[in-house]
Amino acid sequence: MKKIVITGGAGFIGGHIAEEASKRGHEVLLFDNLSTGSMKNVSRLKKCCSFFKGDIMNTGALRKAFRGADTVFHLAARISVAESMNRENEYVLTNSVGTLNVLAACRACGVKNTVLSSSAAIYGDNPVIPKTEKMLPEPKSPYAVTKLDGEYYFSMYKREYGINAVVLRYFNVYGPGQNPKSQYAAAIPIFIENAVKGRDIIIYGDGEQTRDFVYVKDIVQANFLAAEKGGDLYNVSNSSRITINEIARNIIELTGSSSRIVHEKERPGDIKHSMGDNSKIRNELGFSVSYNLHEGLKHTVAYFLELKNNKL
């Protein structure tokens, strides 16, 4: 049994990683300041995980939590592109300085493996599709810039200090447990909740922007492969894309909803098209997509329908 620490462990993806780590027999510590993480997630996981309320800006708390850890999955971050356009300094502190604090604590505590949750947002609006890890980053938001900062720090620590520091660039993650009411909520959980309740589904822009959606269980798979096998930088994607209009229509069909699709003004910082090439992580780490979009949506819709029925 190994000790695994998950920064941002009370969040959506962190909770799924925690569940898998517990199933594998590891000691799991959730490290979270609960600014966006949920105590409901902590309570749900309390039988298999311990909880440390702490902030990645507090180096002492990090070192206390990381003591004796074999692996740190670093997910704690500010994650809103739109918000970052007006709160640049906060994003630099949390995502850039905070990540450096996590790496310094890993080094001080002798942590062997650490995996960074980064973002496909660093590719920006480069029209080349699919995005490959060899492409020059072109971030167009402070959020994307700060995630790129974290990637460079991980690369430096791997090179200079020998830590197995791996970066995963997520494309659009979705799945059961996403909070549609969060200010950071992604499109799919918001669309599903509105469809289930018969509300209008709001799309920003013309809806012809495309995204590569990856199911959360495949994100979990990628994190464990990175920690176990090592490596450097990998896209985590389905290597397929769909328009936001199509996603909305699929959700309306799956839920049997009467919701209307309504288009509003495009948001600043949003990119137009995104699709990742996942061949590197497949070839080097043995990653495979376990859930196609239709399967993943069915599971996610079922989760939201169950929530609705339990509240009735």
C-alpha atoms as a PDB file:
ATOM      1  CA  MET A   1       0.000   0.000   0.000  1.00  0.00           C
ATOM      2  CA  LYS A   2       1.253   3.457  -0.926  1.00  0.00           C
ATOM      3  CA  LYS A   3       0.260   6.890   0.313  1.00  0.00           C
ATOM      4  CA  ILE A   4      -1.328   9.011  -2.390  1.00  0.00           C
ATOM      5  CA  VAL A   5      -2.146  12.701  -1.973  1.00  0.00           C
ATOM      6  CA  ILE A   6      -4.605  14.470  -4.270  1.00  0.00           C
ATOM      7  CA  THR A   7      -4.545  18.272  -4.243  1.00  0.00           C
ATOM      8  CA  GLY A   8      -7.998  19.438  -5.199  1.00  0.00           C
ATOM      9  CA  GLY A   9      -9.162  16.042  -3.963  1.00  0.00           C
ATOM     10  CA  ALA A  10     -12.621  17.304  -2.982  1.00  0.00           C
ATOM     11  CA  GLY A  11     -13.353  18.247  -6.593  1.00  0.00           C
ATOM     12  CA  PHE A  12     -14.933  16.404  -9.488  1.00  0.00           C
ATOM     13  CA  ILE A  13     -11.880  14.725 -11.030  1.00  0.00           C
ATOM     14  CA  GLY A  14     -10.046  14.417  -7.713  1.00  0.00           C
ATOM     15  CA  GLY A  15     -12.924  12.445  -6.249  1.00  0.00           C
ATOM     16  CA  HIS A  16     -12.854   9.948  -9.115  1.00  0.00           C
ATOM     17  CA  ILE A  17      -9.072   9.506  -8.756  1.00  0.00           C
ATOM     18  CA  ALA A  18      -9.525   8.984  -5.012  1.00  0.00           C
ATOM     19  CA  GLU A  19     -12.093   6.240  -5.566  1.00  0.00           C
ATOM     20  CA  GLU A  20      -9.771   4.376  -7.937  1.00  0.00           C
ATOM     21  CA  ALA A  21      -6.768   4.784  -5.619  1.00  0.00           C
ATOM     22  CA  SER A  22      -8.786   3.349  -2.742  1.00  0.00           C
ATOM     23  CA  LYS A  23      -9.923   0.389  -4.881  1.00  0.00           C
ATOM     24  CA  ARG A  24      -6.256  -0.318  -5.562  1.00  0.00           C
ATOM     25  CA  GLY A  25      -5.616  -0.544  -1.819  1.00  0.00           C
ATOM     26  CA  HIS A  26      -3.733   2.720  -1.325  1.00  0.00           C
ATOM     27  CA  GLU A  27      -3.867   5.153   1.575  1.00  0.00           C
ATOM     28  CA  VAL A  28      -5.523   8.277   0.144  1.00  0.00           C
ATOM     29  CA  LEU A  29      -5.331  11.835   1.450  1.00  0.00           C
ATOM     30  CA  LEU A  30      -7.548  14.540  -0.028  1.00  0.00           C
ATOM     31  CA  PHE A  31      -5.880  17.965   0.204  1.00  0.00           C
ATOM     32  CA  ASP A  32      -8.299  20.813  -0.516  1.00  0.00           C
ATOM     33  CA  ASN A  33      -9.135  24.310   0.715  1.00  0.00           C
ATOM     34  CA  LEU A  34     -12.810  23.781  -0.242  1.00  0.00           C
ATOM     35  CA  SER A  35     -12.952  27.034  -2.229  1.00  0.00           C
ATOM     36  CA  THR A  36     -14.527  25.044  -5.058  1.00  0.00           C
ATOM     37  CA  GLY A  37     -14.260  21.479  -3.760  1.00  0.00           C
ATOM     38  CA  SER A  38     -17.276  20.011  -2.020  1.00  0.00           C
ATOM     39  CA  MET A  39     -17.682  18.720   1.523  1.00  0.00           C
ATOM     40  CA  LYS A  40     -20.266  16.356   0.014  1.00  0.00           C
ATOM     41  CA  ASN A  41     -17.438  14.718  -1.928  1.00  0.00           C
ATOM     42  CA  VAL A  42     -15.324  14.532   1.228  1.00  0.00           C
ATOM     43  CA  SER A  43     -18.200  12.970   3.188  1.00  0.00           C
ATOM     44  CA  ARG A  44     -18.892  10.494   0.377  1.00  0.00           C
ATOM     45  CA  LEU A  45     -15.253   9.396   0.411  1.00  0.00           C
ATOM     46  CA  LYS A  46     -14.659   9.440   4.166  1.00  0.00           C
ATOM     47  CA  LYS A  47     -14.788   5.641   4.473  1.00  0.00           C
ATOM     48  CA  CYS A  48     -11.848   5.219   2.097  1.00  0.00           C
ATOM     49  CA  CYS A  49      -9.954   8.524   2.311  1.00  0.00           C
ATOM     50  CA  SER A  50      -8.699  10.992   4.899  1.00  0.00           C
ATOM     51  CA  PHE A  51      -9.065  14.746   4.491  1.00  0.00           C
ATOM     52  CA  PHE A  52      -6.601  17.594   5.060  1.00  0.00           C
ATOM     53  CA  LYS A  53      -8.054  21.083   4.761  1.00  0.00           C
ATOM     54  CA  GLY A  54      -5.212  23.130   3.361  1.00  0.00           C
ATOM     55  CA  ASP A  55      -4.181  25.568   0.655  1.00  0.00           C
ATOM     56  CA  ILE A  56      -1.409  25.096  -1.895  1.00  0.00           C
ATOM     57  CA  MET A  57      -0.208  28.605  -1.026  1.00  0.00           C
ATOM     58  CA  ASN A  58       0.671  27.283   2.454  1.00  0.00           C
ATOM     59  CA  THR A  59       4.014  25.522   2.087  1.00  0.00           C
ATOM     60  CA  GLY A  60       3.944  24.221   5.644  1.00  0.00           C
ATOM     61  CA  ALA A  61       0.582  22.553   5.117  1.00  0.00           C
ATOM     62  CA  LEU A  62       1.808  20.979   1.893  1.00  0.00           C
ATOM     63  CA  ARG A  63       4.871  19.484   3.559  1.00  0.00           C
ATOM     64  CA  LYS A  64       2.801  18.131   6.416  1.00  0.00           C
ATOM     65  CA  ALA A  65       0.337  16.510   4.019  1.00  0.00           C
ATOM     66  CA  PHE A  66       3.003  15.138   1.662  1.00  0.00           C
ATOM     67  CA  ARG A  67       5.116  13.500   4.370  1.00  0.00           C
ATOM     68  CA  GLY A  68       5.488   9.815   3.532  1.00  0.00           C
ATOM     69  CA  ALA A  69       3.663  10.104   0.190  1.00  0.00           C
ATOM     70  CA  ASP A  70       4.721   8.096  -2.840  1.00  0.00           C
ATOM     71  CA  THR A  71       2.569   9.970  -5.369  1.00  0.00           C
ATOM     72  CA  VAL A  72       0.919  13.400  -5.588  1.00  0.00           C
ATOM     73  CA  PHE A  73      -1.805  14.072  -8.137  1.00  0.00           C
ATOM     74  CA  HIS A  74      -1.916  17.848  -8.478  1.00  0.00           C
ATOM     75  CA  LEU A  75      -5.355  19.089  -9.493  1.00  0.00           C
ATOM     76  CA  ALA A  76      -5.853  22.132  -7.231  1.00  0.00           C
ATOM     77  CA  ALA A  77      -6.273  25.189  -9.459  1.00  0.00           C
ATOM     78  CA  ARG A  78      -8.448  28.032 -10.581  1.00  0.00           C
ATOM     79  CA  ILE A  79     -10.077  26.781 -13.771  1.00  0.00           C
ATOM     80  CA  SER A  80     -12.324  29.383 -15.412  1.00  0.00           C
ATOM     81  CA  VAL A  81     -11.142  30.904 -18.685  1.00  0.00           C
ATOM     82  CA  ALA A  82     -13.734  33.684 -18.465  1.00  0.00           C
ATOM     83  CA  GLU A  83     -12.962  34.554 -14.848  1.00  0.00           C
ATOM     84  CA  SER A  84      -9.226  34.602 -15.517  1.00  0.00           C
ATOM     85  CA  MET A  85      -9.654  37.446 -18.027  1.00  0.00           C
ATOM     86  CA  ASN A  86     -10.455  39.795 -15.141  1.00  0.00           C
ATOM     87  CA  ARG A  87      -8.580  38.188 -12.235  1.00  0.00           C
ATOM     88  CA  GLU A  88      -5.142  37.568 -13.690  1.00  0.00           C
ATOM     89  CA  ASN A  89      -3.165  37.994 -10.468  1.00  0.00           C
ATOM     90  CA  GLU A  90      -5.248  35.452  -8.576  1.00  0.00           C
ATOM     91  CA  TYR A  91      -4.684  32.923 -11.352  1.00  0.00           C
ATOM     92  CA  VAL A  92      -0.933  33.529 -11.337  1.00  0.00           C
ATOM     93  CA  LEU A  93      -0.778  33.019  -7.576  1.00  0.00           C
ATOM     94  CA  THR A  94      -2.854  29.838  -7.441  1.00  0.00           C
ATOM     95  CA  ASN A  95      -1.927  28.120 -10.700  1.00  0.00           C
ATOM     96  CA  SER A  96       1.688  29.234 -11.174  1.00  0.00           C
ATOM     97  CA  VAL A  97       3.059  29.922  -7.692  1.00  0.00           C
ATOM     98  CA  GLY A  98       0.831  27.249  -6.151  1.00  0.00           C
ATOM     99  CA  THR A  99       2.157  24.615  -8.541  1.00  0.00           C
ATOM    100  CA  LEU A 100       5.719  25.626  -7.744  1.00  0.00           C
ATOM    101  CA  ASN A 101       4.884  25.232  -4.042  1.00  0.00           C
ATOM    102  CA  VAL A 102       3.546  21.728  -4.694  1.00  0.00           C
ATOM    103  CA  LEU A 103       6.714  20.729  -6.541  1.00  0.00           C
ATOM    104  CA  ALA A 104       8.963  22.171  -3.832  1.00  0.00           C
ATOM    105  CA  ALA A 105       7.028  20.210  -1.191  1.00  0.00           C
ATOM    106  CA  CYS A 106       7.331  17.041  -3.293  1.00  0.00           C
ATOM    107  CA  ARG A 107      11.078  17.487  -3.447  1.00  0.00           C
ATOM    108  CA  ALA A 108      11.378  18.272   0.269  1.00  0.00           C
ATOM    109  CA  CYS A 109       9.294  15.230   1.261  1.00  0.00           C
ATOM    110  CA  GLY A 110      10.888  12.769  -1.161  1.00  0.00           C
ATOM    111  CA  VAL A 111       7.746  12.216  -3.219  1.00  0.00           C
ATOM    112  CA  LYS A 112       8.655   9.951  -6.150  1.00  0.00           C
ATOM    113  CA  ASN A 113       5.823  10.676  -8.572  1.00  0.00           C
ATOM    114  CA  THR A 114       3.688  13.721  -9.282  1.00  0.00           C
ATOM    115  CA  VAL A 115       1.169  14.283 -12.062  1.00  0.00           C
ATOM    116  CA  LEU A 116      -0.086  17.698 -13.146  1.00  0.00           C
ATOM    117  CA  SER A 117      -3.601  18.216 -14.467  1.00  0.00           C
ATOM    118  CA  SER A 118      -3.033  20.713 -17.270  1.00  0.00           C
ATOM    119  CA  SER A 119      -5.310  21.866 -20.075  1.00  0.00           C
ATOM    120  CA  ALA A 120      -5.703  21.839 -23.839  1.00  0.00           C
ATOM    121  CA  ALA A 121      -6.413  25.573 -23.467  1.00  0.00           C
ATOM    122  CA  ILE A 122      -2.673  26.126 -23.856  1.00  0.00           C
ATOM    123  CA  TYR A 123      -2.999  25.367 -27.601  1.00  0.00           C
ATOM    124  CA  GLY A 124      -5.193  28.438 -28.111  1.00  0.00           C
ATOM    125  CA  ASP A 125      -6.787  29.043 -31.499  1.00  0.00           C
ATOM    126  CA  ASN A 126      -4.117  27.454 -33.657  1.00  0.00           C
ATOM    127  CA  PRO A 127      -6.247  26.127 -36.552  1.00  0.00           C
ATOM    128  CA  VAL A 128      -4.254  22.892 -36.898  1.00  0.00           C
ATOM    129  CA  ILE A 129      -6.372  19.855 -35.953  1.00  0.00           C
ATOM    130  CA  PRO A 130      -5.676  17.577 -34.155  1.00  0.00           C
ATOM    131  CA  LYS A 131      -3.484  19.192 -31.517  1.00  0.00           C
ATOM    132  CA  THR A 132      -0.212  17.387 -30.871  1.00  0.00           C
ATOM    133  CA  GLU A 133       2.208  17.785 -27.988  1.00  0.00           C
ATOM    134  CA  LYS A 134       4.855  19.104 -30.411  1.00  0.00           C
ATOM    135  CA  MET A 135       2.797  22.172 -31.328  1.00  0.00           C
ATOM    136  CA  LEU A 136       3.875  25.584 -30.083  1.00  0.00           C
ATOM    137  CA  PRO A 137       1.605  26.717 -27.224  1.00  0.00           C
ATOM    138  CA  GLU A 138      -0.530  29.765 -28.042  1.00  0.00           C
ATOM    139  CA  PRO A 139      -2.487  30.480 -24.838  1.00  0.00           C
ATOM    140  CA  LYS A 140      -5.130  33.198 -25.203  1.00  0.00           C
ATOM    141  CA  SER A 141      -6.265  33.541 -21.585  1.00  0.00           C
ATOM    142  CA  PRO A 142      -4.503  34.047 -18.238  1.00  0.00           C
ATOM    143  CA  TYR A 143      -5.846  30.639 -17.218  1.00  0.00           C
ATOM    144  CA  ALA A 144      -4.069  28.987 -20.147  1.00  0.00           C
ATOM    145  CA  VAL A 145      -0.851  30.937 -19.520  1.00  0.00           C
ATOM    146  CA  THR A 146      -0.754  29.827 -15.887  1.00  0.00           C
ATOM    147  CA  LYS A 147      -1.357  26.182 -16.786  1.00  0.00           C
ATOM    148  CA  LEU A 148       1.566  26.445 -19.203  1.00  0.00           C
ATOM    149  CA  ASP A 149       3.679  27.905 -16.378  1.00  0.00           C
ATOM    150  CA  GLY A 150       2.919  24.776 -14.365  1.00  0.00           C
ATOM    151  CA  GLU A 151       3.986  22.564 -17.249  1.00  0.00           C
ATOM    152  CA  TYR A 152       7.356  24.313 -17.477  1.00  0.00           C
ATOM    153  CA  TYR A 153       7.895  23.982 -13.723  1.00  0.00           C
ATOM    154  CA  PHE A 154       7.128  20.250 -13.908  1.00  0.00           C
ATOM    155  CA  SER A 155       9.599  19.838 -16.759  1.00  0.00           C
ATOM    156  CA  MET A 156      12.255  21.728 -14.814  1.00  0.00           C
ATOM    157  CA  TYR A 157      11.782  19.651 -11.652  1.00  0.00           C
ATOM    158  CA  LYS A 158      11.924  16.430 -13.650  1.00  0.00           C
ATOM    159  CA  ARG A 159      15.130  17.512 -15.353  1.00  0.00           C
ATOM    160  CA  GLU A 160      16.907  19.099 -12.378  1.00  0.00           C
ATOM    161  CA  TYR A 161      15.759  16.955  -9.441  1.00  0.00           C
ATOM    162  CA  GLY A 162      14.864  13.579 -10.959  1.00  0.00           C
ATOM    163  CA  ILE A 163      11.232  13.546  -9.828  1.00  0.00           C
ATOM    164  CA  ASN A 164       8.860  11.569 -12.045  1.00  0.00           C
ATOM    165  CA  ALA A 165       6.899  14.726 -12.879  1.00  0.00           C
ATOM    166  CA  VAL A 166       4.369  14.107 -15.659  1.00  0.00           C
ATOM    167  CA  VAL A 167       2.001  16.574 -17.335  1.00  0.00           C
ATOM    168  CA  LEU A 168      -1.418  15.599 -18.670  1.00  0.00           C
ATOM    169  CA  ARG A 169      -3.211  18.031 -20.973  1.00  0.00           C
ATOM    170  CA  TYR A 170      -6.909  17.348 -20.579  1.00  0.00           C
ATOM    171  CA  PHE A 171      -9.366  18.180 -23.288  1.00  0.00           C
ATOM    172  CA  ASN A 172     -13.010  18.651 -22.221  1.00  0.00           C
ATOM    173  CA  VAL A 173     -13.673  16.399 -19.235  1.00  0.00           C
ATOM    174  CA  TYR A 174     -17.190  15.313 -18.290  1.00  0.00           C
ATOM    175  CA  GLY A 175     -18.954  12.643 -16.277  1.00  0.00           C
ATOM    176  CA  PRO A 176     -20.993  11.867 -13.158  1.00  0.00           C
ATOM    177  CA  GLY A 177     -20.334  14.144 -10.207  1.00  0.00           C
ATOM    178  CA  GLN A 178     -19.739  17.397 -12.079  1.00  0.00           C
ATOM    179  CA  ASN A 179     -21.480  20.299 -10.384  1.00  0.00           C
ATOM    180  CA  PRO A 180     -23.641  22.258 -12.849  1.00  0.00           C
ATOM    181  CA  LYS A 181     -24.162  25.040 -10.305  1.00  0.00           C
ATOM    182  CA  SER A 182     -20.484  25.838  -9.865  1.00  0.00           C
ATOM    183  CA  GLN A 183     -19.204  29.086 -11.331  1.00  0.00           C
ATOM    184  CA  TYR A 184     -16.616  26.882 -13.053  1.00  0.00           C
ATOM    185  CA  ALA A 185     -19.137  24.410 -14.449  1.00  0.00           C
ATOM    186  CA  ALA A 186     -18.540  22.908 -17.887  1.00  0.00           C
ATOM    187  CA  ALA A 187     -21.047  22.756 -20.738  1.00  0.00           C
ATOM    188  CA  ILE A 188     -22.220  19.141 -20.444  1.00  0.00           C
ATOM    189  CA  PRO A 189     -23.422  19.157 -16.805  1.00  0.00           C
ATOM    190  CA  ILE A 190     -25.141  22.511 -17.316  1.00  0.00           C
ATOM    191  CA  PHE A 191     -26.824  21.298 -20.502  1.00  0.00           C
ATOM    192  CA  ILE A 192     -27.971  18.062 -18.854  1.00  0.00           C
ATOM    193  CA  GLU A 193     -29.363  19.754 -15.761  1.00  0.00           C
ATOM    194  CA  ASN A 194     -31.278  22.271 -17.867  1.00  0.00           C
ATOM    195  CA  ALA A 195     -32.573  19.524 -20.165  1.00  0.00           C
ATOM    196  CA  VAL A 196     -33.742  17.416 -17.220  1.00  0.00           C
ATOM    197  CA  LYS A 197     -35.623  20.433 -15.860  1.00  0.00           C
ATOM    198  CA  GLY A 198     -36.988  21.530 -19.254  1.00  0.00           C
ATOM    199  CA  ARG A 199     -35.096  24.819 -19.210  1.00  0.00           C
ATOM    200  CA  ASP A 200     -33.501  26.587 -22.176  1.00  0.00           C
ATOM    201  CA  ILE A 201     -30.000  25.379 -23.047  1.00  0.00           C
ATOM    202  CA  ILE A 202     -27.770  28.435 -23.493  1.00  0.00           C
ATOM    203  CA  ILE A 203     -24.927  28.227 -26.002  1.00  0.00           C
ATOM    204  CA  TYR A 204     -22.417  31.078 -26.220  1.00  0.00           C
ATOM    205  CA  GLY A 205     -21.642  31.903 -29.847  1.00  0.00           C
ATOM    206  CA  ASP A 206     -23.115  30.152 -32.880  1.00  0.00           C
ATOM    207  CA  GLY A 207     -22.619  26.681 -31.416  1.00  0.00           C
ATOM    208  CA  GLU A 208     -20.459  25.538 -34.303  1.00  0.00           C
ATOM    209  CA  GLN A 209     -17.349  25.580 -32.127  1.00  0.00           C
ATOM    210  CA  THR A 210     -16.027  22.050 -31.645  1.00  0.00           C
ATOM    211  CA  ARG A 211     -14.700  20.222 -28.607  1.00  0.00           C
ATOM    212  CA  ASP A 212     -13.070  16.893 -27.843  1.00  0.00           C
ATOM    213  CA  PHE A 213     -14.922  15.457 -24.828  1.00  0.00           C
ATOM    214  CA  VAL A 214     -13.206  12.840 -22.655  1.00  0.00           C
ATOM    215  CA  TYR A 215     -14.977  10.825 -19.978  1.00  0.00           C
ATOM    216  CA  VAL A 216     -13.707  11.226 -16.415  1.00  0.00           C
ATOM    217  CA  LYS A 217     -12.886   7.515 -15.967  1.00  0.00           C
ATOM    218  CA  ASP A 218     -10.446   7.789 -18.881  1.00  0.00           C
ATOM    219  CA  ILE A 219      -8.843  10.781 -17.152  1.00  0.00           C
ATOM    220  CA  VAL A 220      -8.392   8.601 -14.067  1.00  0.00           C
ATOM    221  CA  GLN A 221      -6.798   5.858 -16.177  1.00  0.00           C
ATOM    222  CA  ALA A 222      -4.329   8.380 -17.650  1.00  0.00           C
ATOM    223  CA  ASN A 223      -3.308   9.672 -14.213  1.00  0.00           C
ATOM    224  CA  PHE A 224      -2.429   6.219 -12.895  1.00  0.00           C
ATOM    225  CA  LEU A 225      -0.553   5.279 -16.058  1.00  0.00           C
ATOM    226  CA  ALA A 226       1.478   8.501 -15.772  1.00  0.00           C
ATOM    227  CA  ALA A 227       2.335   7.867 -12.125  1.00  0.00           C
ATOM    228  CA  GLU A 228       3.237   4.220 -12.690  1.00  0.00           C
ATOM    229  CA  LYS A 229       5.075   4.374 -16.007  1.00  0.00           C
ATOM    230  CA  GLY A 230       6.503   7.895 -16.050  1.00  0.00           C
ATOM    231  CA  GLY A 231       6.976  10.070 -19.095  1.00  0.00           C
ATOM    232  CA  ASP A 232       6.797  13.769 -19.807  1.00  0.00           C
ATOM    233  CA  LEU A 233       3.809  15.479 -21.501  1.00  0.00           C
ATOM    234  CA  TYR A 234       0.653  13.870 -22.875  1.00  0.00           C
ATOM    235  CA  ASN A 235      -2.670  14.858 -24.370  1.00  0.00           C
ATOM    236  CA  VAL A 236      -5.632  13.071 -22.797  1.00  0.00           C
ATOM    237  CA  SER A 237      -8.487  13.103 -25.276  1.00  0.00           C
ATOM    238  CA  ASN A 238     -10.891  10.961 -27.261  1.00  0.00           C
ATOM    239  CA  SER A 239      -9.284  12.150 -30.515  1.00  0.00           C
ATOM    240  CA  SER A 240     -12.707  13.059 -31.891  1.00  0.00           C
ATOM    241  CA  ARG A 241     -14.704  16.278 -31.959  1.00  0.00           C
ATOM    242  CA  ILE A 242     -18.302  17.408 -31.976  1.00  0.00           C
ATOM    243  CA  THR A 243     -20.002  20.797 -32.204  1.00  0.00           C
ATOM    244  CA  ILE A 244     -21.610  22.296 -29.127  1.00  0.00           C
ATOM    245  CA  ASN A 245     -24.898  22.394 -31.054  1.00  0.00           C
ATOM    246  CA  GLU A 246     -24.680  18.633 -31.612  1.00  0.00           C
ATOM    247  CA  ILE A 247     -23.900  17.991 -27.939  1.00  0.00           C
ATOM    248  CA  ALA A 248     -26.962  19.989 -26.919  1.00  0.00           C
ATOM    249  CA  ARG A 249     -29.177  18.096 -29.381  1.00  0.00           C
ATOM    250  CA  ASN A 250     -27.829  14.724 -28.187  1.00  0.00           C
ATOM    251  CA  ILE A 251     -28.538  15.634 -24.577  1.00  0.00           C
ATOM    252  CA  ILE A 252     -32.066  16.758 -25.394  1.00  0.00           C
ATOM    253  CA  GLU A 253     -32.648  13.424 -27.158  1.00  0.00           C
ATOM    254  CA  LEU A 254     -31.164  11.306 -24.350  1.00  0.00           C
ATOM    255  CA  THR A 255     -33.219  13.080 -21.681  1.00  0.00           C
ATOM    256  CA  GLY A 256     -36.422  13.272 -23.740  1.00  0.00           C
ATOM    257  CA  SER A 257     -36.457  16.974 -22.957  1.00  0.00           C
ATOM    258  CA  SER A 258     -38.550  19.769 -24.409  1.00  0.00           C
ATOM    259  CA  SER A 259     -35.748  22.294 -23.828  1.00  0.00           C
ATOM    260  CA  ARG A 260     -34.965  24.913 -26.473  1.00  0.00           C
ATOM    261  CA  ILE A 261     -31.445  25.760 -27.632  1.00  0.00           C
ATOM    262  CA  VAL A 262     -30.769  29.494 -27.270  1.00  0.00           C
ATOM    263  CA  HIS A 263     -27.633  31.220 -28.572  1.00  0.00           C
ATOM    264  CA  GLU A 264     -26.054  34.165 -26.782  1.00  0.00           C
ATOM    265  CA  LYS A 265     -22.976  36.354 -27.317  1.00  0.00           C
ATOM    266  CA  GLU A 266     -19.633  34.575 -27.534  1.00  0.00           C
ATOM    267  CA  ARG A 267     -17.526  34.811 -24.350  1.00  0.00           C
ATOM    268  CA  PRO A 268     -14.034  36.370 -24.347  1.00  0.00           C
ATOM    269  CA  GLY A 269     -11.148  33.903 -24.190  1.00  0.00           C
ATOM    270  CA  ASP A 270     -13.104  30.948 -25.588  1.00  0.00           C
ATOM    271  CA  ILE A 271     -11.370  29.027 -28.371  1.00  0.00           C
ATOM    272  CA  LYS A 272     -13.157  28.007 -31.566  1.00  0.00           C
ATOM    273  CA  HIS A 273     -12.030  24.451 -32.290  1.00  0.00           C
ATOM    274  CA  SER A 274     -10.302  21.794 -30.210  1.00  0.00           C
ATOM    275  CA  MET A 275      -9.394  18.166 -30.760  1.00  0.00           C
ATOM    276  CA  GLY A 276      -6.456  16.257 -29.378  1.00  0.00           C
ATOM    277  CA  ASP A 277      -4.171  13.635 -30.861  1.00  0.00           C
ATOM    278  CA  ASN A 278      -3.841  10.957 -28.148  1.00  0.00           C
ATOM    279  CA  SER A 279      -1.433   8.705 -30.050  1.00  0.00           C
ATOM    280  CA  LYS A 280       1.538   9.585 -27.818  1.00  0.00           C
ATOM    281  CA  ILE A 281      -0.104   8.472 -24.570  1.00  0.00           C
ATOM    282  CA  ARG A 282      -1.487   5.373 -26.305  1.00  0.00           C
ATOM    283  CA  ASN A 283       1.884   4.376 -27.725  1.00  0.00           C
ATOM    284  CA  GLU A 284       4.062   5.239 -24.720  1.00  0.00           C
ATOM    285  CA  LEU A 285       1.825   4.491 -21.725  1.00  0.00           C
ATOM    286  CA  GLY A 286      -0.755   2.070 -23.112  1.00  0.00           C
ATOM    287  CA  PHE A 287      -3.719   4.382 -22.680  1.00  0.00           C
ATOM    288  CA  SER A 288      -6.959   3.417 -24.394  1.00  0.00           C
ATOM    289  CA  VAL A 289     -10.304   5.210 -24.601  1.00  0.00           C
ATOM    290  CA  SER A 290     -12.766   3.121 -22.594  1.00  0.00           C
ATOM    291  CA  TYR A 291     -15.856   5.270 -23.140  1.00  0.00           C
ATOM    292  CA  ASN A 292     -16.947   6.820 -26.421  1.00  0.00           C
ATOM    293  CA  LEU A 293     -19.020   9.992 -26.237  1.00  0.00           C
ATOM    294  CA  HIS A 294     -22.397   8.277 -26.546  1.00  0.00           C
ATOM    295  CA  GLU A 295     -21.585   5.811 -23.743  1.00  0.00           C
ATOM    296  CA  GLY A 296     -20.201   8.523 -21.512  1.00  0.00           C
ATOM    297  CA  LEU A 297     -23.212  10.766 -22.052  1.00  0.00           C
ATOM    298  CA  LYS A 298     -25.579   7.899 -21.211  1.00  0.00           C
ATOM    299  CA  HIS A 299     -23.794   7.330 -17.887  1.00  0.00           C
ATOM    300  CA  THR A 300     -23.745  11.043 -17.132  1.00  0.00           C
ATOM    301  CA  VAL A 301     -27.405  11.585 -18.013  1.00  0.00           C
ATOM    302  CA  ALA A 302     -28.341   8.571 -15.851  1.00  0.00           C
ATOM    303  CA  TYR A 303     -26.486  10.149 -12.919  1.00  0.00           C
ATOM    304  CA  PHE A 304     -28.382  13.437 -13.260  1.00  0.00           C
ATOM    305  CA  LEU A 305     -31.724  11.670 -13.676  1.00  0.00           C
ATOM    306  CA  GLU A 306     -31.019   9.687 -10.505  1.00  0.00           C
ATOM    307  CA  LEU A 307     -30.242  12.927  -8.662  1.00  0.00           C
ATOM    308  CA  LYS A 308     -33.536  14.398  -9.838  1.00  0.00           C
ATOM    309  CA  ASN A 309     -35.529  11.319  -8.834  1.00  0.00           C
ATOM    310  CA  ASN A 310     -33.914  11.174  -5.387  1.00  0.00           C
ATOM    311  CA  LYS A 311     -34.979  14.759  -4.739  1.00  0.00           C
ATOM    312  CA  LEU A 312     -38.623  14.098  -5.612  1.00  0.00           C
END
